[in-house]
């Protein structure tokens, strides 16, 4: 296997642990370390042999970030290395087509086992949680209906950015952002930005409060 290895994690010690395991499995490969989702996207590409991805970096939108990367770079293997081990995360990562789900609590030996499986062209997931079968299925299916532009806008909204900031970053007009937001609401079956962000976040945080239909804000 050839290509660059990208390690995306905002904790230097964790990046070091992953790098040590990667260097044993992929000796001689170029390794790029990044600490946020934007840099991970910038380093992504078909020439990347593997990206290890932390779902909860400062600017990450959790599983939505994984969804964007999988759809934009379908040939790039992604191993999620996450501190979240809830059933919905396990199920979401697998459903989105990641190559592996490696808990951060895993031993060095287990991490090397997972990376070896990926190097051999296999998938690697720990034992399925008992309640994983139905975890987050409907939410994930609705998020997958979004277009690439809508997914990007929702990820930026989840970062707390306003329409004006989103328009500037994506080099589109505010009117176009508002039109996309209307489409996002329709496809997700929600009525405001708060609900859309909560729906995306619910995949990652089982403790989120229920959607509040009384809280309505404009696109």
Protein backbone atom coordinates (compact mmCIF):
# COMPACT_ATOMS: atom_id res chain seq x y z
CA UNK A 1 0.00 0.00 0.00
CA UNK A 2 1.31 3.46 -0.90
CA UNK A 3 0.21 6.95 -0.01
CA UNK A 4 0.18 9.38 2.88
CA UNK A 5 -1.25 8.64 6.32
CA UNK A 6 -3.25 11.49 7.87
CA UNK A 7 -3.73 11.53 11.65
CA UNK A 8 -6.51 13.96 12.65
CA UNK A 9 -6.81 14.49 16.40
CA UNK A 10 -6.65 17.56 18.61
CA UNK A 11 -4.77 15.83 21.44
CA UNK A 12 -0.98 15.69 20.89
CA UNK A 13 -0.55 12.63 23.12
CA UNK A 14 -3.24 10.74 21.20
CA UNK A 15 -1.67 11.70 17.88
CA UNK A 16 1.62 10.38 19.20
CA UNK A 17 0.08 7.06 20.21
CA UNK A 18 -1.63 6.66 16.83
CA UNK A 19 1.56 7.64 15.02
CA UNK A 20 3.56 5.01 16.90
CA UNK A 21 1.07 2.34 15.86
CA UNK A 22 0.91 3.59 12.26
CA UNK A 23 4.71 3.60 11.92
CA UNK A 24 4.80 -0.08 12.87
CA UNK A 25 2.10 -1.07 10.37
CA UNK A 26 3.04 1.33 7.54
CA UNK A 27 6.81 1.76 7.90
CA UNK A 28 8.32 4.37 5.60
CA UNK A 29 5.04 6.11 4.77
CA UNK A 30 4.74 9.88 4.98
CA UNK A 31 2.62 10.87 7.98
CA UNK A 32 0.72 14.15 8.27
CA UNK A 33 -0.65 15.21 11.66
CA UNK A 34 -3.52 17.72 11.87
CA UNK A 35 -5.49 19.01 14.84
CA UNK A 36 -8.81 20.15 13.37
CA UNK A 37 -11.45 19.09 10.87
CA UNK A 38 -10.62 21.88 8.40
CA UNK A 39 -7.00 20.75 8.19
CA UNK A 40 -8.14 17.13 7.86
CA UNK A 41 -10.28 18.10 4.86
CA UNK A 42 -7.35 20.01 3.38
CA UNK A 43 -5.11 16.95 3.72
CA UNK A 44 -7.72 14.51 2.35
CA UNK A 45 -7.49 13.06 -1.13
CA UNK A 46 -7.48 9.89 -3.18
CA UNK A 47 -3.73 9.56 -2.61
CA UNK A 48 -4.25 9.16 1.16
CA UNK A 49 -3.77 5.52 2.18
CA UNK A 50 -5.53 6.07 5.51
CA UNK A 51 -6.99 8.87 7.60
CA UNK A 52 -7.53 8.35 11.32
CA UNK A 53 -10.29 10.71 12.41
CA UNK A 54 -11.28 12.04 15.83
CA UNK A 55 -14.97 12.95 15.62
CA UNK A 56 -14.82 15.64 18.28
CA UNK A 57 -12.14 18.14 17.40
CA UNK A 58 -12.85 21.83 18.05
CA UNK A 59 -14.38 22.53 14.63
CA UNK A 60 -15.75 19.05 13.98
CA UNK A 61 -19.44 18.29 13.46
CA UNK A 62 -19.07 14.69 14.64
CA UNK A 63 -20.57 12.11 12.33
CA UNK A 64 -21.52 14.88 9.92
CA UNK A 65 -17.80 15.50 9.36
CA UNK A 66 -17.30 11.79 8.64
CA UNK A 67 -20.29 11.85 6.28
CA UNK A 68 -18.79 14.77 4.33
CA UNK A 69 -15.39 13.11 4.01
CA UNK A 70 -16.85 9.75 2.95
CA UNK A 71 -19.03 11.30 0.25
CA UNK A 72 -16.35 13.67 -1.05
CA UNK A 73 -13.46 11.15 -0.88
CA UNK A 74 -15.13 7.73 -1.23
CA UNK A 75 -11.89 5.87 -2.02
CA UNK A 76 -10.04 7.19 1.05
CA UNK A 77 -10.10 4.70 3.98
CA UNK A 78 -11.09 6.38 7.24
CA UNK A 79 -10.58 4.86 10.68
CA UNK A 80 -12.54 6.67 13.36
CA UNK A 81 -10.61 6.84 16.64
CA UNK A 82 -13.14 8.05 19.19
CA UNK A 83 -13.62 8.52 22.92
CA UNK A 84 -17.37 8.04 22.35
CA UNK A 85 -18.29 4.37 22.47
CA UNK A 86 -22.10 4.67 22.50
CA UNK A 87 -24.08 2.34 20.26
CA UNK A 88 -25.25 5.19 18.02
CA UNK A 89 -21.66 6.19 17.28
CA UNK A 90 -20.63 2.60 16.50
CA UNK A 91 -23.66 2.19 14.23
CA UNK A 92 -23.25 5.56 12.53
CA UNK A 93 -19.55 5.05 11.81
CA UNK A 94 -20.23 1.63 10.31
CA UNK A 95 -23.26 2.78 8.30
CA UNK A 96 -21.27 5.64 6.79
CA UNK A 97 -18.68 3.24 5.41
CA UNK A 98 -15.67 3.87 7.66
CA UNK A 99 -12.92 1.26 7.56
CA UNK A 100 -12.74 0.95 11.33
CA UNK A 101 -14.02 2.19 14.66
CA UNK A 102 -11.24 2.21 17.25
CA UNK A 103 -12.14 3.31 20.79
CA UNK A 104 -9.57 5.61 22.38
CA UNK A 105 -9.65 3.27 25.36
CA UNK A 106 -8.21 0.47 23.17
CA UNK A 107 -4.78 -0.89 24.02
CA UNK A 108 -1.79 -0.32 21.73
CA UNK A 109 -2.04 -3.97 20.70
CA UNK A 110 -5.71 -3.57 19.73
CA UNK A 111 -4.96 -0.41 17.76
CA UNK A 112 -2.21 -2.21 15.85
CA UNK A 113 -4.60 -5.10 15.20
CA UNK A 114 -7.16 -2.70 13.73
CA UNK A 115 -4.59 -0.90 11.57
CA UNK A 116 -3.22 -4.23 10.33
CA UNK A 117 -6.73 -5.26 9.25
CA UNK A 118 -7.12 -2.01 7.30
CA UNK A 119 -3.68 -2.46 5.69
CA UNK A 120 -4.85 -5.90 4.53
CA UNK A 121 -7.97 -4.40 2.95
CA UNK A 122 -10.33 -5.53 5.72
CA UNK A 123 -12.72 -3.68 8.02
CA UNK A 124 -12.26 -3.64 11.78
CA UNK A 125 -14.96 -2.98 14.36
CA UNK A 126 -15.17 -4.05 18.00
CA UNK A 127 -18.02 -6.28 19.08
CA UNK A 128 -21.39 -4.76 18.24
CA UNK A 129 -23.05 -3.08 21.24
CA UNK A 130 -26.25 -4.83 22.24
CA UNK A 131 -28.39 -1.79 21.41
CA UNK A 132 -26.63 -0.78 18.19
CA UNK A 133 -29.07 -2.27 15.70
CA UNK A 134 -31.55 0.60 15.67
CA UNK A 135 -29.39 3.35 17.13
CA UNK A 136 -29.84 6.62 15.23
CA UNK A 137 -30.97 4.92 12.02
CA UNK A 138 -33.72 7.42 11.15
CA UNK A 139 -31.61 10.47 11.93
CA UNK A 140 -28.69 9.15 9.90
CA UNK A 141 -30.96 8.35 6.95
CA UNK A 142 -32.37 11.89 6.97
CA UNK A 143 -28.92 13.48 7.13
CA UNK A 144 -27.79 11.34 4.20
CA UNK A 145 -30.53 12.95 2.07
CA UNK A 146 -28.71 16.28 2.17
CA UNK A 147 -26.76 17.47 -0.83
CA UNK A 148 -23.00 18.12 -0.46
CA UNK A 149 -23.63 21.88 -0.21
CA UNK A 150 -26.34 21.36 2.40
CA UNK A 151 -24.08 19.08 4.45
CA UNK A 152 -21.33 21.70 4.38
CA UNK A 153 -23.70 24.47 5.42
CA UNK A 154 -25.14 22.37 8.26
CA UNK A 155 -21.62 21.62 9.49
CA UNK A 156 -20.84 25.37 9.51
CA UNK A 157 -24.11 26.13 11.30
CA UNK A 158 -23.16 23.51 13.89
CA UNK A 159 -19.92 25.47 14.41
CA UNK A 160 -22.05 28.50 15.33
CA UNK A 161 -21.45 30.48 12.14
CA UNK A 162 -23.99 32.99 10.86
CA UNK A 163 -25.37 33.13 7.33
CA UNK A 164 -23.04 36.02 6.45
CA UNK A 165 -19.99 34.06 7.61
CA UNK A 166 -21.14 30.92 5.79
CA UNK A 167 -21.68 32.89 2.59
CA UNK A 168 -18.18 34.35 2.82
CA UNK A 169 -16.54 30.98 3.52
CA UNK A 170 -18.39 29.18 0.73
CA UNK A 171 -18.21 32.16 -1.65
CA UNK A 172 -21.95 32.24 -2.25
CA UNK A 173 -24.62 34.84 -1.52
CA UNK A 174 -26.56 35.05 1.75
CA UNK A 175 -29.72 34.46 -0.26
CA UNK A 176 -28.26 31.17 -1.50
CA UNK A 177 -27.39 30.18 2.07
CA UNK A 178 -30.97 30.90 3.14
CA UNK A 179 -32.32 28.84 0.22
CA UNK A 180 -30.09 25.93 1.23
CA UNK A 181 -31.25 26.25 4.85
CA UNK A 182 -34.86 25.97 3.69
CA UNK A 183 -33.94 22.79 1.82
CA UNK A 184 -32.14 21.44 4.89
CA UNK A 185 -35.21 22.03 7.06
CA UNK A 186 -37.43 20.27 4.53
CA UNK A 187 -35.17 17.22 4.10
CA UNK A 188 -34.57 16.82 7.82
CA UNK A 189 -38.20 17.43 8.77
CA UNK A 190 -37.35 20.28 11.18
CA UNK A 191 -38.50 23.89 11.42
CA UNK A 192 -35.43 25.87 12.53
CA UNK A 193 -31.63 25.98 12.77
CA UNK A 194 -31.60 24.80 16.37
CA UNK A 195 -33.50 21.64 15.54
CA UNK A 196 -31.27 20.93 12.53
CA UNK A 197 -28.12 21.22 14.66
CA UNK A 198 -29.64 19.11 17.43
CA UNK A 199 -30.53 16.42 14.90
CA UNK A 200 -26.94 16.29 13.65
CA UNK A 201 -25.64 16.33 17.23
CA UNK A 202 -28.02 13.62 18.42
CA UNK A 203 -25.94 11.08 16.49
CA UNK A 204 -23.02 11.91 18.75
CA UNK A 205 -24.57 12.79 22.09
CA UNK A 206 -27.30 10.52 23.50
CA UNK A 207 -27.81 13.05 26.31
CA UNK A 208 -29.07 15.85 24.10
CA UNK A 209 -32.51 17.21 25.06
CA UNK A 210 -35.53 16.48 22.84
CA UNK A 211 -36.31 18.88 20.01
CA UNK A 212 -38.31 21.88 21.19
CA UNK A 213 -40.99 22.58 18.60
CA UNK A 214 -41.83 25.84 20.36
CA UNK A 215 -38.40 27.33 19.64
CA UNK A 216 -38.52 28.75 16.14
CA UNK A 217 -35.87 30.85 14.45
CA UNK A 218 -35.54 32.04 10.86
CA UNK A 219 -33.28 30.52 8.22
